[in-house]
């Protein structure tokens, strides 16, 4: 399967989404602008980069009980302001990301999708879902925790859950710097 590029043409219609990881407090979220024509498969790659995930697990998009096709354009999937889509990633860890269409800013010239804002680092791949993530945070924060040393090493030694990086290049286990798919507001 050919990986969709996240480039947009000179005058593209955009959607602004809020992507929030469900069941995690304090919240982990991203504010994204994507081309209306970007497919759900392309949106998957944008989300992987935005949250710093490694694209090493299965995923799906759904609205209610309906699974959305990977080739469906984001403009069709969201349709109107306030529309919601659920993104599920890693069916073992069961990460759920609620996507909400915040606004339709209209046409603009930009090179590709952008991460405009956000909070906190994305959860690490393979940490065990929400319960494992909570244990990871507890162990990293407490040098006396019985799993502290092992989880510091497993997480790459410098995982900071409070750090937000708009490019998604938070270090972690077996991570490399994220691609330039999402960069700054200028798309560079």
Protein backbone atom coordinates (compact mmCIF):
# COMPACT_ATOMS: atom_id res chain seq x y z
CA UNK A 1 0.00 0.00 0.00
CA UNK A 2 1.34 3.40 -0.96
CA UNK A 3 1.67 5.71 2.03
CA UNK A 4 -0.26 8.91 1.48
CA UNK A 5 1.80 12.04 1.63
CA UNK A 6 0.50 14.86 3.76
CA UNK A 7 1.22 17.60 1.26
CA UNK A 8 -1.50 19.96 0.20
CA UNK A 9 -1.88 21.97 -2.95
CA UNK A 10 -1.54 25.73 -3.17
CA UNK A 11 -5.07 26.66 -2.06
CA UNK A 12 -6.52 23.86 0.02
CA UNK A 13 -9.57 23.74 2.26
CA UNK A 14 -8.63 22.92 5.85
CA UNK A 15 -10.23 21.34 8.88
CA UNK A 16 -9.19 22.12 12.44
CA UNK A 17 -9.48 19.13 14.78
CA UNK A 18 -8.98 18.59 18.47
CA UNK A 19 -7.58 15.15 19.23
CA UNK A 20 -7.86 14.10 22.89
CA UNK A 21 -6.65 10.83 24.42
CA UNK A 22 -9.59 9.36 26.35
CA UNK A 23 -9.41 8.32 30.03
CA UNK A 24 -6.12 10.09 30.81
CA UNK A 25 -5.79 12.88 33.39
CA UNK A 26 -4.39 15.47 33.13
CA UNK A 27 -5.50 15.58 29.48
CA UNK A 28 -3.26 14.78 26.54
CA UNK A 29 -4.48 16.56 23.41
CA UNK A 30 -3.47 18.08 20.09
CA UNK A 31 -5.01 20.79 17.93
CA UNK A 32 -4.43 19.89 14.28
CA UNK A 33 -5.11 21.44 10.91
CA UNK A 34 -5.43 18.98 8.07
CA UNK A 35 -6.50 19.22 4.43
CA UNK A 36 -10.20 18.45 3.96
CA UNK A 37 -9.15 15.97 1.25
CA UNK A 38 -6.77 13.99 3.51
CA UNK A 39 -7.92 10.39 3.78
CA UNK A 40 -8.46 8.62 7.07
CA UNK A 41 -5.29 6.63 6.33
CA UNK A 42 -3.42 9.93 5.97
CA UNK A 43 -5.01 11.18 9.20
CA UNK A 44 -3.75 8.02 10.93
CA UNK A 45 -0.17 8.99 9.98
CA UNK A 46 -0.73 12.57 11.16
CA UNK A 47 -1.99 11.29 14.54
CA UNK A 48 0.92 8.88 14.87
CA UNK A 49 3.34 11.77 14.40
CA UNK A 50 1.39 14.19 16.62
CA UNK A 51 1.36 11.77 19.56
CA UNK A 52 4.86 10.39 18.94
CA UNK A 53 3.67 6.85 18.34
CA UNK A 54 5.59 4.33 16.23
CA UNK A 55 2.82 3.09 13.89
CA UNK A 56 3.49 -0.46 15.02
CA UNK A 57 -0.09 -1.53 15.81
CA UNK A 58 -3.48 -1.84 14.17
CA UNK A 59 -5.92 1.05 14.19
CA UNK A 60 -9.41 2.03 13.12
CA UNK A 61 -11.68 5.04 12.86
CA UNK A 62 -15.36 4.89 13.75
CA UNK A 63 -18.38 7.08 14.16
CA UNK A 64 -20.88 5.43 16.47
CA UNK A 65 -20.93 1.76 15.50
CA UNK A 66 -19.80 2.44 11.94
CA UNK A 67 -16.17 1.80 11.03
CA UNK A 68 -14.88 4.36 8.54
CA UNK A 69 -13.00 3.35 5.40
CA UNK A 70 -9.30 4.21 5.25
CA UNK A 71 -9.80 5.92 1.87
CA UNK A 72 -12.61 8.18 3.09
CA UNK A 73 -11.75 11.89 2.94
CA UNK A 74 -11.64 13.71 6.30
CA UNK A 75 -14.11 16.27 4.94
CA UNK A 76 -16.64 13.49 4.41
CA UNK A 77 -15.91 11.83 7.75
CA UNK A 78 -16.42 15.01 9.78
CA UNK A 79 -18.85 16.96 7.62
CA UNK A 80 -19.85 19.71 10.06
CA UNK A 81 -18.50 21.64 13.03
CA UNK A 82 -18.74 19.60 16.21
CA UNK A 83 -18.71 16.25 14.39
CA UNK A 84 -16.86 13.49 16.29
CA UNK A 85 -14.84 10.50 15.15
CA UNK A 86 -13.14 7.94 17.39
CA UNK A 87 -9.59 6.82 16.53
CA UNK A 88 -8.52 3.56 18.16
CA UNK A 89 -4.85 2.61 18.15
CA UNK A 90 -3.17 -0.56 19.43
CA UNK A 91 -6.02 -2.91 20.20
CA UNK A 92 -3.95 -4.48 23.03
CA UNK A 93 -3.27 -1.20 24.84
CA UNK A 94 -6.61 0.16 23.58
CA UNK A 95 -5.74 3.83 23.12
CA UNK A 96 -8.80 5.85 22.18
CA UNK A 97 -8.47 9.34 20.75
CA UNK A 98 -11.61 11.45 20.41
CA UNK A 99 -11.45 13.66 17.32
CA UNK A 100 -13.73 16.70 17.19
CA UNK A 101 -14.03 19.11 14.29
CA UNK A 102 -13.51 22.50 15.97
CA UNK A 103 -13.79 24.65 12.88
CA UNK A 104 -13.46 24.81 9.13
CA UNK A 105 -10.98 27.67 8.63
CA UNK A 106 -11.52 27.63 4.86
CA UNK A 107 -8.90 27.84 2.16
CA UNK A 108 -5.29 28.73 2.83
CA UNK A 109 -1.88 28.16 1.37
CA UNK A 110 0.15 25.73 3.44
CA UNK A 111 2.57 22.91 2.68
CA UNK A 112 0.79 20.24 4.74
CA UNK A 113 -0.89 19.32 8.03
CA UNK A 114 0.12 21.25 11.13
CA UNK A 115 0.01 20.72 14.86
CA UNK A 116 -1.05 24.10 16.23
CA UNK A 117 -1.16 23.38 19.94
CA UNK A 118 -1.40 20.62 22.51
CA UNK A 119 -0.64 19.43 26.00
CA UNK A 120 1.64 16.76 27.41
CA UNK A 121 3.63 14.03 25.71
CA UNK A 122 1.79 11.19 24.04
CA UNK A 123 1.64 7.90 25.97
CA UNK A 124 4.43 5.52 25.03
CA UNK A 125 3.69 2.63 22.69
CA UNK A 126 3.32 -0.72 24.47
CA UNK A 127 3.12 0.72 27.98
CA UNK A 128 -0.03 -1.25 28.79
CA UNK A 129 -2.83 1.17 27.99
CA UNK A 130 -4.24 3.56 30.59
CA UNK A 131 -3.44 1.38 33.66
CA UNK A 132 0.10 0.70 32.42
CA UNK A 133 0.59 4.37 31.59
CA UNK A 134 -0.51 5.38 35.10
CA UNK A 135 1.93 2.83 36.58
CA UNK A 136 4.70 4.12 34.30
CA UNK A 137 4.15 7.71 35.46
CA UNK A 138 4.08 6.62 39.11
CA UNK A 139 7.29 4.60 38.72
CA UNK A 140 9.16 7.33 36.82
CA UNK A 141 8.24 9.93 39.46
CA UNK A 142 9.34 7.79 42.42
CA UNK A 143 12.98 6.61 42.58
CA UNK A 144 11.92 4.22 45.40
CA UNK A 145 9.30 2.51 43.21
CA UNK A 146 10.29 -1.15 42.64
CA UNK A 147 10.01 -0.72 38.83
CA UNK A 148 11.66 2.72 38.65
CA UNK A 149 15.04 1.70 37.21
CA UNK A 150 13.58 -0.78 34.71
CA UNK A 151 10.96 1.68 33.44
CA UNK A 152 13.43 4.56 33.20
CA UNK A 153 15.58 2.33 30.98
CA UNK A 154 12.59 0.99 29.00
CA UNK A 155 11.27 4.52 28.37
CA UNK A 156 14.58 5.66 26.92
CA UNK A 157 15.79 7.44 30.05
CA UNK A 158 14.38 10.85 29.21
CA UNK A 159 10.62 10.52 28.75
CA UNK A 160 8.93 13.59 30.19
CA UNK A 161 5.13 13.14 30.32
CA UNK A 162 4.60 16.89 30.81
CA UNK A 163 6.57 17.88 27.72
CA UNK A 164 4.60 18.79 24.62
CA UNK A 165 6.47 18.88 21.34
CA UNK A 166 4.42 19.98 18.37
CA UNK A 167 6.52 17.75 16.06
CA UNK A 168 5.88 14.61 18.11
CA UNK A 169 9.56 13.80 18.55
CA UNK A 170 9.47 12.98 22.25
CA UNK A 171 12.11 10.29 22.87
CA UNK A 172 11.01 6.86 24.01
CA UNK A 173 11.67 3.15 23.55
CA UNK A 174 12.83 2.40 20.00
CA UNK A 175 11.77 5.87 18.82
CA UNK A 176 13.44 7.98 16.23
CA UNK A 177 12.68 11.62 15.59
CA UNK A 178 9.30 12.04 13.98
CA UNK A 179 9.05 12.83 10.31
CA UNK A 180 8.48 16.37 9.19
CA UNK A 181 4.84 15.57 8.39
CA UNK A 182 3.73 17.94 11.13
CA UNK A 183 5.89 20.90 11.92
CA UNK A 184 5.12 24.48 12.66
CA UNK A 185 2.33 26.72 11.40
CA UNK A 186 4.28 27.47 8.23
CA UNK A 187 4.39 23.74 7.37
CA UNK A 188 8.21 23.70 7.23
